[in-house]
Amino acid sequence: MYREHILAAGEKVFAEQDFDAAKVQDISRLASLSMGSIYALFPSKEQIYASIITKRANELLALVQGIRDAHLAPLESLEALVTTYIDYFHGHPDFLRMNVRTGAAWALRGMNESGPRAQLADTIHGLQRDIFARGVEAGVFIDEDPGYLGVLFSGIDQIHLAHWVAGGMKASRDELRERLLRVVRKTFLR
């Protein structure tokens, strides 16, 4: 229970401040837990941050796997992917703000990144690539390398959500979803 409480507080702190400026003391204060309680579970600020990323990435992975496992038609799969990402980030705005704050490109995941986070990103990109491969093969999506299309989709999704954050997160979930669907259809459909 304390672990989840600490991660929720950490997510808020990292959404408000960049990683270097954020302090474990801020997380402690927000969580209403002693520093000793936090350090008993997380020996460092880096570990809190990494645990948040891993937790959320695993949640996203499960959602994307669910889309793949539903065996939808390619266009339905792509639309489900859009809806899933919009719903997820709209429902977890602090996590979104935390990610936007880093400036890291979701599509490329960092040239020197390795470890569990990179493996999760690769898996999610692989699932997206599979959706695009089926769509290209069926003649529904433009004839382009499916891996490239998956990365391009991630970039469009990130820019769309970052634009929402920069605008004060005023658009509704439905407005976000419809706009991204329009852009995705124009970009990827034949």
N, C-alpha and C. Protein backbone atom coordinates (compact mmCIF):
# COMPACT_ATOMS: atom_id res chain seq x y z
N MET A 1 0.82 -1.19 0.00
CA MET A 1 0.00 0.00 0.00
C MET A 1 0.87 1.26 0.00
N TYR A 2 1.91 1.28 0.84
CA TYR A 2 2.80 2.44 0.87
C TYR A 2 3.48 2.64 -0.48
N ARG A 3 3.86 1.53 -1.09
CA ARG A 3 4.55 1.59 -2.38
C ARG A 3 3.72 2.36 -3.41
N GLU A 4 2.45 2.00 -3.56
CA GLU A 4 1.57 2.66 -4.52
C GLU A 4 1.35 4.13 -4.15
N HIS A 5 1.24 4.40 -2.88
CA HIS A 5 1.06 5.76 -2.39
C HIS A 5 2.29 6.62 -2.73
N ILE A 6 3.46 6.06 -2.55
CA ILE A 6 4.71 6.76 -2.87
C ILE A 6 4.81 7.00 -4.38
N LEU A 7 4.46 5.99 -5.17
CA LEU A 7 4.53 6.15 -6.62
C LEU A 7 3.55 7.21 -7.10
N ALA A 8 2.35 7.25 -6.53
CA ALA A 8 1.37 8.27 -6.92
C ALA A 8 1.89 9.67 -6.58
N ALA A 9 2.47 9.83 -5.40
CA ALA A 9 3.04 11.12 -5.00
C ALA A 9 4.22 11.48 -5.91
N GLY A 10 5.06 10.49 -6.19
CA GLY A 10 6.20 10.73 -7.07
C GLY A 10 5.77 11.17 -8.46
N GLU A 11 4.73 10.55 -8.97
CA GLU A 11 4.24 10.91 -10.29
C GLU A 11 3.80 12.38 -10.32
N LYS A 12 3.13 12.83 -9.26
CA LYS A 12 2.70 14.23 -9.18
C LYS A 12 3.91 15.17 -9.10
N VAL A 13 4.87 14.81 -8.28
CA VAL A 13 6.06 15.66 -8.12
C VAL A 13 6.83 15.74 -9.44
N PHE A 14 7.04 14.60 -10.10
CA PHE A 14 7.79 14.61 -11.36
C PHE A 14 7.00 15.28 -12.49
N ALA A 15 5.68 15.34 -12.37
CA ALA A 15 4.87 16.06 -13.36
C ALA A 15 5.03 17.56 -13.20
N GLU A 16 5.25 18.00 -11.97
CA GLU A 16 5.37 19.43 -11.67
C GLU A 16 6.79 19.96 -11.83
N GLN A 17 7.78 19.12 -11.60
CA GLN A 17 9.18 19.54 -11.63
C GLN A 17 9.97 18.57 -12.49
N ASP A 18 11.02 19.06 -13.13
CA ASP A 18 11.84 18.12 -13.87
C ASP A 18 12.59 17.23 -12.87
N PHE A 19 13.15 16.16 -13.37
CA PHE A 19 13.75 15.15 -12.52
C PHE A 19 14.81 15.74 -11.59
N ASP A 20 15.68 16.58 -12.12
CA ASP A 20 16.77 17.13 -11.31
C ASP A 20 16.26 18.03 -10.19
N ALA A 21 15.20 18.77 -10.45
CA ALA A 21 14.66 19.69 -9.43
C ALA A 21 13.82 18.97 -8.38
N ALA A 22 13.24 17.85 -8.75
CA ALA A 22 12.37 17.11 -7.82
C ALA A 22 13.21 16.55 -6.67
N LYS A 23 12.64 16.56 -5.50
CA LYS A 23 13.32 16.07 -4.29
C LYS A 23 12.48 14.97 -3.64
N VAL A 24 13.16 14.01 -3.05
CA VAL A 24 12.47 12.96 -2.31
C VAL A 24 11.67 13.59 -1.17
N GLN A 25 12.17 14.69 -0.62
CA GLN A 25 11.45 15.40 0.44
C GLN A 25 10.08 15.87 -0.05
N ASP A 26 10.01 16.29 -1.31
CA ASP A 26 8.72 16.72 -1.88
C ASP A 26 7.75 15.54 -1.96
N ILE A 27 8.28 14.40 -2.35
CA ILE A 27 7.46 13.19 -2.43
C ILE A 27 7.01 12.78 -1.03
N SER A 28 7.92 12.85 -0.08
CA SER A 28 7.63 12.51 1.31
C SER A 28 6.51 13.39 1.86
N ARG A 29 6.61 14.68 1.61
CA ARG A 29 5.62 15.64 2.10
C ARG A 29 4.25 15.36 1.46
N LEU A 30 4.23 15.17 0.14
CA LEU A 30 2.98 14.93 -0.57
C LEU A 30 2.34 13.60 -0.15
N ALA A 31 3.17 12.60 0.08
CA ALA A 31 2.67 11.28 0.48
C ALA A 31 2.34 11.22 1.98
N SER A 32 2.73 12.24 2.71
CA SER A 32 2.57 12.25 4.18
C SER A 32 3.22 11.03 4.82
N LEU A 33 4.42 10.71 4.32
CA LEU A 33 5.21 9.61 4.86
C LEU A 33 6.59 10.12 5.22
N SER A 34 7.21 9.47 6.18
CA SER A 34 8.56 9.87 6.58
C SER A 34 9.55 9.50 5.48
N MET A 35 10.66 10.19 5.50
CA MET A 35 11.74 9.88 4.55
C MET A 35 12.20 8.44 4.76
N GLY A 36 12.24 7.99 6.01
CA GLY A 36 12.65 6.62 6.30
C GLY A 36 11.72 5.59 5.66
N SER A 37 10.42 5.88 5.68
CA SER A 37 9.45 4.96 5.05
C SER A 37 9.68 4.89 3.55
N ILE A 38 9.97 6.03 2.95
CA ILE A 38 10.21 6.04 1.51
C ILE A 38 11.51 5.32 1.18
N TYR A 39 12.58 5.65 1.89
CA TYR A 39 13.86 5.02 1.60
C TYR A 39 13.87 3.52 1.92
N ALA A 40 12.97 3.06 2.78
CA ALA A 40 12.88 1.63 3.06
C ALA A 40 12.39 0.86 1.83
N LEU A 41 11.58 1.53 1.02
CA LEU A 41 11.04 0.89 -0.19
C LEU A 41 11.80 1.27 -1.46
N PHE A 42 12.29 2.50 -1.50
CA PHE A 42 12.98 3.02 -2.68
C PHE A 42 14.27 3.69 -2.22
N PRO A 43 15.42 3.07 -2.45
CA PRO A 43 16.68 3.62 -1.97
C PRO A 43 17.10 4.94 -2.63
N SER A 44 16.43 5.34 -3.73
CA SER A 44 16.84 6.56 -4.41
C SER A 44 15.68 7.17 -5.19
N LYS A 45 15.84 8.43 -5.53
CA LYS A 45 14.88 9.13 -6.38
C LYS A 45 14.81 8.45 -7.74
N GLU A 46 15.96 8.01 -8.23
CA GLU A 46 16.01 7.32 -9.53
C GLU A 46 15.14 6.08 -9.52
N GLN A 47 15.15 5.37 -8.40
CA GLN A 47 14.36 4.14 -8.32
C GLN A 47 12.86 4.44 -8.27
N ILE A 48 12.48 5.51 -7.62
CA ILE A 48 11.07 5.91 -7.62
C ILE A 48 10.64 6.23 -9.05
N TYR A 49 11.43 7.03 -9.72
CA TYR A 49 11.13 7.43 -11.10
C TYR A 49 11.04 6.20 -12.02
N ALA A 50 12.04 5.35 -11.94
CA ALA A 50 12.06 4.14 -12.78
C ALA A 50 10.87 3.24 -12.48
N SER A 51 10.47 3.15 -11.22
CA SER A 51 9.33 2.31 -10.85
C SER A 51 8.03 2.85 -11.42
N ILE A 52 7.89 4.17 -11.45
CA ILE A 52 6.70 4.78 -12.05
C ILE A 52 6.66 4.46 -13.54
N ILE A 53 7.78 4.66 -14.22
CA ILE A 53 7.85 4.39 -15.66
C ILE A 53 7.54 2.92 -15.94
N THR A 54 8.14 2.02 -15.19
CA THR A 54 7.92 0.59 -15.41
C THR A 54 6.47 0.20 -15.17
N LYS A 55 5.90 0.70 -14.08
CA LYS A 55 4.49 0.40 -13.77
C LYS A 55 3.58 0.85 -14.90
N ARG A 56 3.71 2.09 -15.31
CA ARG A 56 2.84 2.63 -16.36
C ARG A 56 3.10 1.97 -17.71
N ALA A 57 4.35 1.71 -18.03
CA ALA A 57 4.67 1.04 -19.30
C ALA A 57 4.07 -0.36 -19.34
N ASN A 58 4.11 -1.07 -18.23
CA ASN A 58 3.49 -2.40 -18.18
C ASN A 58 1.98 -2.32 -18.35
N GLU A 59 1.37 -1.30 -17.78
CA GLU A 59 -0.07 -1.11 -17.97
C GLU A 59 -0.39 -0.87 -19.45
N LEU A 60 0.40 0.01 -20.09
CA LEU A 60 0.19 0.28 -21.51
C LEU A 60 0.43 -0.97 -22.36
N LEU A 61 1.46 -1.71 -22.02
CA LEU A 61 1.76 -2.94 -22.74
C LEU A 61 0.57 -3.90 -22.69
N ALA A 62 -0.01 -4.07 -21.53
CA ALA A 62 -1.16 -4.97 -21.39
C ALA A 62 -2.33 -4.49 -22.25
N LEU A 63 -2.54 -3.19 -22.30
CA LEU A 63 -3.63 -2.65 -23.12
C LEU A 63 -3.39 -2.90 -24.61
N VAL A 64 -2.16 -2.67 -25.06
CA VAL A 64 -1.83 -2.87 -26.48
C VAL A 64 -1.89 -4.37 -26.82
N GLN A 65 -1.44 -5.21 -25.92
CA GLN A 65 -1.55 -6.66 -26.15
C GLN A 65 -3.02 -7.08 -26.26
N GLY A 66 -3.88 -6.44 -25.47
CA GLY A 66 -5.31 -6.73 -25.54
C GLY A 66 -5.88 -6.38 -26.90
N ILE A 67 -5.42 -5.29 -27.49
CA ILE A 67 -5.87 -4.92 -28.84
C ILE A 67 -5.41 -5.97 -29.84
N ARG A 68 -4.15 -6.35 -29.74
CA ARG A 68 -3.64 -7.38 -30.65
C ARG A 68 -4.42 -8.68 -30.50
N ASP A 69 -4.66 -9.08 -29.26
CA ASP A 69 -5.32 -10.35 -28.99
C ASP A 69 -6.80 -10.36 -29.35
N ALA A 70 -7.38 -9.18 -29.57
CA ALA A 70 -8.80 -9.11 -29.96
C ALA A 70 -9.00 -9.48 -31.43
N HIS A 71 -7.91 -9.55 -32.19
CA HIS A 71 -7.96 -9.95 -33.61
C HIS A 71 -8.96 -9.10 -34.41
N LEU A 72 -8.89 -7.80 -34.20
CA LEU A 72 -9.74 -6.87 -34.94
C LEU A 72 -9.18 -6.67 -36.35
N ALA A 73 -9.99 -6.15 -37.23
CA ALA A 73 -9.51 -5.77 -38.56
C ALA A 73 -8.46 -4.67 -38.37
N PRO A 74 -7.54 -4.51 -39.33
CA PRO A 74 -6.45 -3.54 -39.16
C PRO A 74 -6.90 -2.12 -38.81
N LEU A 75 -7.90 -1.58 -39.52
CA LEU A 75 -8.35 -0.23 -39.22
C LEU A 75 -8.98 -0.17 -37.83
N GLU A 76 -9.74 -1.16 -37.46
CA GLU A 76 -10.33 -1.21 -36.12
C GLU A 76 -9.22 -1.29 -35.06
N SER A 77 -8.18 -2.04 -35.34
CA SER A 77 -7.06 -2.13 -34.41
C SER A 77 -6.39 -0.78 -34.23
N LEU A 78 -6.17 -0.07 -35.34
CA LEU A 78 -5.53 1.24 -35.27
C LEU A 78 -6.41 2.23 -34.50
N GLU A 79 -7.71 2.20 -34.76
CA GLU A 79 -8.62 3.08 -34.04
C GLU A 79 -8.68 2.72 -32.56
N ALA A 80 -8.62 1.43 -32.25
CA ALA A 80 -8.58 0.99 -30.85
C ALA A 80 -7.29 1.46 -30.18
N LEU A 81 -6.20 1.44 -30.92
CA LEU A 81 -4.92 1.93 -30.39
C LEU A 81 -5.02 3.41 -30.05
N VAL A 82 -5.59 4.20 -30.96
CA VAL A 82 -5.78 5.63 -30.72
C VAL A 82 -6.62 5.84 -29.46
N THR A 83 -7.74 5.16 -29.39
CA THR A 83 -8.65 5.31 -28.25
C THR A 83 -7.96 4.89 -26.95
N THR A 84 -7.23 3.80 -27.00
CA THR A 84 -6.53 3.31 -25.81
C THR A 84 -5.51 4.32 -25.30
N TYR A 85 -4.70 4.87 -26.19
CA TYR A 85 -3.70 5.84 -25.77
C TYR A 85 -4.35 7.12 -25.24
N ILE A 86 -5.37 7.61 -25.93
CA ILE A 86 -6.04 8.82 -25.46
C ILE A 86 -6.67 8.56 -24.09
N ASP A 87 -7.38 7.45 -23.94
CA ASP A 87 -8.01 7.14 -22.66
C ASP A 87 -6.97 6.99 -21.55
N TYR A 88 -5.87 6.33 -21.86
CA TYR A 88 -4.85 6.09 -20.85
C TYR A 88 -4.23 7.41 -20.36
N PHE A 89 -3.78 8.22 -21.30
CA PHE A 89 -3.10 9.45 -20.91
C PHE A 89 -4.07 10.51 -20.39
N HIS A 90 -5.30 10.50 -20.88
CA HIS A 90 -6.30 11.40 -20.33
C HIS A 90 -6.61 11.00 -18.88
N GLY A 91 -6.58 9.72 -18.61
CA GLY A 91 -6.82 9.21 -17.26
C GLY A 91 -5.62 9.30 -16.34
N HIS A 92 -4.44 9.50 -16.90
CA HIS A 92 -3.20 9.60 -16.11
C HIS A 92 -2.43 10.86 -16.54
N PRO A 93 -3.03 12.03 -16.32
CA PRO A 93 -2.41 13.27 -16.81
C PRO A 93 -1.05 13.58 -16.17
N ASP A 94 -0.86 13.18 -14.93
CA ASP A 94 0.45 13.44 -14.30
C ASP A 94 1.53 12.61 -14.97
N PHE A 95 1.21 11.37 -15.31
CA PHE A 95 2.19 10.55 -16.01
C PHE A 95 2.51 11.14 -17.38
N LEU A 96 1.49 11.62 -18.06
CA LEU A 96 1.72 12.26 -19.36
C LEU A 96 2.61 13.48 -19.19
N ARG A 97 2.29 14.35 -18.25
CA ARG A 97 3.09 15.54 -18.02
C ARG A 97 4.52 15.18 -17.64
N MET A 98 4.68 14.13 -16.86
CA MET A 98 6.00 13.65 -16.47
C MET A 98 6.81 13.25 -17.71
N ASN A 99 6.16 12.58 -18.64
CA ASN A 99 6.84 12.15 -19.87
C ASN A 99 7.13 13.31 -20.79
N VAL A 100 6.18 14.22 -20.94
CA VAL A 100 6.39 15.37 -21.81
C VAL A 100 7.54 16.21 -21.28
N ARG A 101 7.62 16.33 -19.96
CA ARG A 101 8.66 17.12 -19.32
C ARG A 101 10.06 16.61 -19.67
N THR A 102 10.22 15.30 -19.87
CA THR A 102 11.55 14.75 -20.16
C THR A 102 12.04 15.13 -21.55
N GLY A 103 11.09 15.36 -22.47
CA GLY A 103 11.48 15.68 -23.84
C GLY A 103 11.97 14.48 -24.62
N ALA A 104 11.87 13.29 -24.05
CA ALA A 104 12.33 12.08 -24.75
C ALA A 104 11.36 11.72 -25.87
N ALA A 105 11.90 11.29 -26.97
CA ALA A 105 11.08 10.88 -28.11
C ALA A 105 10.57 9.46 -27.90
N TRP A 106 9.27 9.31 -27.79
CA TRP A 106 8.68 7.98 -27.60
C TRP A 106 8.99 7.08 -28.79
N ALA A 107 8.99 7.66 -29.94
CA ALA A 107 9.15 6.86 -31.15
C ALA A 107 10.53 6.22 -31.23
N LEU A 108 11.54 6.90 -30.72
CA LEU A 108 12.90 6.39 -30.86
C LEU A 108 13.45 5.82 -29.57
N ARG A 109 12.82 6.12 -28.44
CA ARG A 109 13.16 5.64 -27.10
C ARG A 109 14.59 5.90 -26.67
N GLY A 110 15.33 6.70 -27.41
CA GLY A 110 16.70 7.03 -27.00
C GLY A 110 17.70 6.05 -27.58
N MET A 111 18.71 6.57 -28.18
CA MET A 111 19.69 5.72 -28.87
C MET A 111 20.53 4.90 -27.89
N ASN A 112 20.75 5.41 -26.68
CA ASN A 112 21.62 4.71 -25.73
C ASN A 112 20.85 4.04 -24.61
N GLU A 113 19.54 4.02 -24.71
CA GLU A 113 18.73 3.45 -23.65
C GLU A 113 18.71 1.92 -23.75
N SER A 114 18.80 1.28 -22.60
CA SER A 114 18.73 -0.18 -22.57
C SER A 114 18.02 -0.58 -21.28
N GLY A 115 17.87 -1.86 -21.08
CA GLY A 115 17.23 -2.33 -19.85
C GLY A 115 15.75 -2.56 -20.00
N PRO A 116 15.06 -2.76 -18.90
CA PRO A 116 13.63 -3.12 -18.93
C PRO A 116 12.74 -2.09 -19.62
N ARG A 117 13.02 -0.80 -19.39
CA ARG A 117 12.21 0.24 -20.02
C ARG A 117 12.34 0.18 -21.54
N ALA A 118 13.54 0.02 -22.02
CA ALA A 118 13.76 -0.07 -23.47
C ALA A 118 13.11 -1.33 -24.03
N GLN A 119 13.18 -2.42 -23.30
CA GLN A 119 12.55 -3.66 -23.76
C GLN A 119 11.04 -3.51 -23.85
N LEU A 120 10.43 -2.84 -22.87
CA LEU A 120 8.99 -2.59 -22.93
C LEU A 120 8.63 -1.72 -24.12
N ALA A 121 9.41 -0.67 -24.35
CA ALA A 121 9.16 0.20 -25.50
C ALA A 121 9.29 -0.58 -26.81
N ASP A 122 10.31 -1.41 -26.90
CA ASP A 122 10.47 -2.24 -28.10
C ASP A 122 9.29 -3.18 -28.30
N THR A 123 8.79 -3.74 -27.21
CA THR A 123 7.65 -4.65 -27.31
C THR A 123 6.40 -3.91 -27.78
N ILE A 124 6.15 -2.74 -27.20
CA ILE A 124 4.99 -1.94 -27.62
C ILE A 124 5.13 -1.54 -29.09
N HIS A 125 6.32 -1.10 -29.49
CA HIS A 125 6.52 -0.75 -30.90
C HIS A 125 6.34 -1.96 -31.80
N GLY A 126 6.76 -3.11 -31.33
CA GLY A 126 6.57 -4.34 -32.10
C GLY A 126 5.10 -4.68 -32.30
N LEU A 127 4.31 -4.48 -31.27
CA LEU A 127 2.87 -4.72 -31.38
C LEU A 127 2.23 -3.73 -32.36
N GLN A 128 2.65 -2.48 -32.29
CA GLN A 128 2.16 -1.48 -33.25
C GLN A 128 2.58 -1.85 -34.66
N ARG A 129 3.83 -2.28 -34.81
CA ARG A 129 4.32 -2.70 -36.14
C ARG A 129 3.46 -3.82 -36.69
N ASP A 130 3.08 -4.77 -35.84
CA ASP A 130 2.25 -5.90 -36.28
C ASP A 130 0.90 -5.43 -36.79
N ILE A 131 0.31 -4.44 -36.11
CA ILE A 131 -0.97 -3.89 -36.57
C ILE A 131 -0.79 -3.26 -37.94
N PHE A 132 0.27 -2.49 -38.11
CA PHE A 132 0.51 -1.85 -39.41
C PHE A 132 0.85 -2.88 -40.49
N ALA A 133 1.56 -3.93 -40.13
CA ALA A 133 1.89 -4.97 -41.12
C ALA A 133 0.62 -5.61 -41.66
N ARG A 134 -0.32 -5.91 -40.78
CA ARG A 134 -1.58 -6.50 -41.23
C ARG A 134 -2.35 -5.53 -42.13
N GLY A 135 -2.30 -4.24 -41.77
CA GLY A 135 -3.01 -3.24 -42.57
C GLY A 135 -2.37 -3.01 -43.93
N VAL A 136 -1.05 -3.02 -43.99
CA VAL A 136 -0.36 -2.88 -45.27
C VAL A 136 -0.66 -4.09 -46.14
N GLU A 137 -0.56 -5.27 -45.55
CA GLU A 137 -0.82 -6.51 -46.30
C GLU A 137 -2.26 -6.56 -46.84
N ALA A 138 -3.20 -6.03 -46.07
CA ALA A 138 -4.60 -6.05 -46.49
C ALA A 138 -4.93 -4.91 -47.46
N GLY A 139 -3.96 -4.02 -47.69
CA GLY A 139 -4.20 -2.89 -48.60
C GLY A 139 -5.00 -1.77 -47.97
N VAL A 140 -5.13 -1.77 -46.66
CA VAL A 140 -5.89 -0.74 -45.94
C VAL A 140 -5.00 0.46 -45.64
N PHE A 141 -3.75 0.21 -45.30
CA PHE A 141 -2.81 1.28 -44.97
C PHE A 141 -1.87 1.52 -46.14
N ILE A 142 -1.23 2.68 -46.12
CA ILE A 142 -0.28 3.01 -47.19
C ILE A 142 0.82 1.95 -47.25
N ASP A 143 1.36 1.77 -48.45
CA ASP A 143 2.39 0.76 -48.67
C ASP A 143 3.74 1.32 -48.23
N GLU A 144 4.06 1.04 -46.98
CA GLU A 144 5.30 1.55 -46.37
C GLU A 144 5.76 0.51 -45.36
N ASP A 145 7.00 0.60 -44.97
CA ASP A 145 7.55 -0.32 -43.97
C ASP A 145 6.71 -0.24 -42.69
N PRO A 146 6.14 -1.35 -42.22
CA PRO A 146 5.30 -1.32 -41.02
C PRO A 146 6.03 -0.84 -39.76
N GLY A 147 7.31 -1.14 -39.64
CA GLY A 147 8.09 -0.65 -38.51
C GLY A 147 8.17 0.87 -38.51
N TYR A 148 8.38 1.43 -39.69
CA TYR A 148 8.40 2.89 -39.82
C TYR A 148 7.04 3.48 -39.48
N LEU A 149 5.98 2.86 -39.95
CA LEU A 149 4.63 3.36 -39.67
C LEU A 149 4.34 3.33 -38.16
N GLY A 150 4.78 2.29 -37.50
CA GLY A 150 4.58 2.19 -36.05
C GLY A 150 5.30 3.29 -35.30
N VAL A 151 6.54 3.58 -35.71
CA VAL A 151 7.32 4.65 -35.09
C VAL A 151 6.68 6.01 -35.41
N LEU A 152 6.24 6.19 -36.65
CA LEU A 152 5.58 7.43 -37.04
C LEU A 152 4.30 7.63 -36.22
N PHE A 153 3.55 6.57 -36.01
CA PHE A 153 2.34 6.65 -35.18
C PHE A 153 2.71 7.12 -33.76
N SER A 154 3.76 6.56 -33.19
CA SER A 154 4.18 6.96 -31.84
C SER A 154 4.54 8.44 -31.79
N GLY A 155 5.23 8.91 -32.82
CA GLY A 155 5.59 10.31 -32.88
C GLY A 155 4.38 11.22 -32.98
N ILE A 156 3.44 10.85 -33.82
CA ILE A 156 2.21 11.65 -33.96
C ILE A 156 1.44 11.66 -32.65
N ASP A 157 1.32 10.52 -32.02
CA ASP A 157 0.62 10.41 -30.74
C ASP A 157 1.28 11.30 -29.69
N GLN A 158 2.59 11.26 -29.61
CA GLN A 158 3.31 12.06 -28.62
C GLN A 158 3.13 13.56 -28.87
N ILE A 159 3.26 13.97 -30.10
CA ILE A 159 3.11 15.39 -30.42
C ILE A 159 1.69 15.85 -30.13
N HIS A 160 0.72 15.03 -30.48
CA HIS A 160 -0.68 15.36 -30.21
C HIS A 160 -0.91 15.56 -28.71
N LEU A 161 -0.42 14.64 -27.90
CA LEU A 161 -0.62 14.73 -26.46
C LEU A 161 0.20 15.87 -25.85
N ALA A 162 1.41 16.10 -26.34
CA ALA A 162 2.24 17.21 -25.84
C ALA A 162 1.57 18.54 -26.16
N HIS A 163 0.94 18.64 -27.31
CA HIS A 163 0.21 19.85 -27.69
C HIS A 163 -0.95 20.09 -26.73
N TRP A 164 -1.62 19.02 -26.33
CA TRP A 164 -2.71 19.12 -25.36
C TRP A 164 -2.18 19.64 -24.02
N VAL A 165 -1.06 19.10 -23.58
CA VAL A 165 -0.45 19.55 -22.32
C VAL A 165 -0.07 21.03 -22.42
N ALA A 166 0.58 21.40 -23.52
CA ALA A 166 1.02 22.79 -23.70
C ALA A 166 -0.16 23.76 -23.72
N GLY A 167 -1.31 23.29 -24.17
CA GLY A 167 -2.51 24.13 -24.23
C GLY A 167 -3.31 24.14 -22.94
N GLY A 168 -2.75 23.58 -21.88
CA GLY A 168 -3.43 23.59 -20.60
C GLY A 168 -4.39 22.43 -20.38
N MET A 169 -4.34 21.42 -21.23
CA MET A 169 -5.15 20.20 -21.10
C MET A 169 -6.65 20.53 -21.05
N LYS A 170 -7.08 21.43 -21.91
CA LYS A 170 -8.48 21.89 -21.90
C LYS A 170 -9.40 21.03 -22.75
N ALA A 171 -8.90 20.45 -23.82
CA ALA A 171 -9.75 19.65 -24.70
C ALA A 171 -10.26 18.42 -23.95
N SER A 172 -11.48 18.04 -24.27
CA SER A 172 -12.06 16.85 -23.65
C SER A 172 -11.43 15.59 -24.23
N ARG A 173 -11.69 14.49 -23.59
CA ARG A 173 -11.23 13.19 -24.07
C ARG A 173 -11.75 12.94 -25.49
N ASP A 174 -13.03 13.24 -25.73
CA ASP A 174 -13.60 13.01 -27.06
C ASP A 174 -12.98 13.91 -28.11
N GLU A 175 -12.73 15.17 -27.76
CA GLU A 175 -12.08 16.09 -28.71
C GLU A 175 -10.67 15.60 -29.04
N LEU A 176 -9.94 15.15 -28.03
CA LEU A 176 -8.59 14.62 -28.25
C LEU A 176 -8.63 13.41 -29.18
N ARG A 177 -9.53 12.50 -28.87
CA ARG A 177 -9.64 11.26 -29.64
C ARG A 177 -10.01 11.55 -31.10
N GLU A 178 -11.03 12.37 -31.31
CA GLU A 178 -11.49 12.65 -32.68
C GLU A 178 -10.42 13.34 -33.51
N ARG A 179 -9.70 14.27 -32.90
CA ARG A 179 -8.65 14.96 -33.64
C ARG A 179 -7.54 13.99 -34.03
N LEU A 180 -7.10 13.17 -33.08
CA LEU A 180 -6.04 12.21 -33.39
C LEU A 180 -6.51 11.20 -34.43
N LEU A 181 -7.74 10.75 -34.33
CA LEU A 181 -8.27 9.82 -35.34
C LEU A 181 -8.24 10.45 -36.73
N ARG A 182 -8.63 11.71 -36.85
CA ARG A 182 -8.61 12.39 -38.15
C ARG A 182 -7.19 12.41 -38.72
N VAL A 183 -6.23 12.78 -37.89
CA VAL A 183 -4.84 12.86 -38.36
C VAL A 183 -4.31 11.48 -38.73
N VAL A 184 -4.60 10.50 -37.91
CA VAL A 184 -4.11 9.14 -38.16
C VAL A 184 -4.73 8.58 -39.45
N ARG A 185 -6.01 8.79 -39.65
CA ARG A 185 -6.65 8.30 -40.89
C ARG A 185 -6.03 8.96 -42.12
N LYS A 186 -5.82 10.29 -42.06
CA LYS A 186 -5.24 11.01 -43.20
C LYS A 186 -3.80 10.54 -43.47
N THR A 187 -3.10 10.18 -42.42
CA THR A 187 -1.69 9.80 -42.55
C THR A 187 -1.52 8.37 -43.04
N PHE A 188 -2.32 7.44 -42.54
CA PHE A 188 -2.02 6.03 -42.76
C PHE A 188 -2.95 5.30 -43.72
N LEU A 189 -4.16 5.81 -43.96
CA LEU A 189 -5.08 5.07 -44.83
C LEU A 189 -4.76 5.31 -46.29
N ARG A 190 -5.02 4.29 -47.10
CA ARG A 190 -4.84 4.40 -48.55
C ARG A 190 -5.91 5.27 -49.13
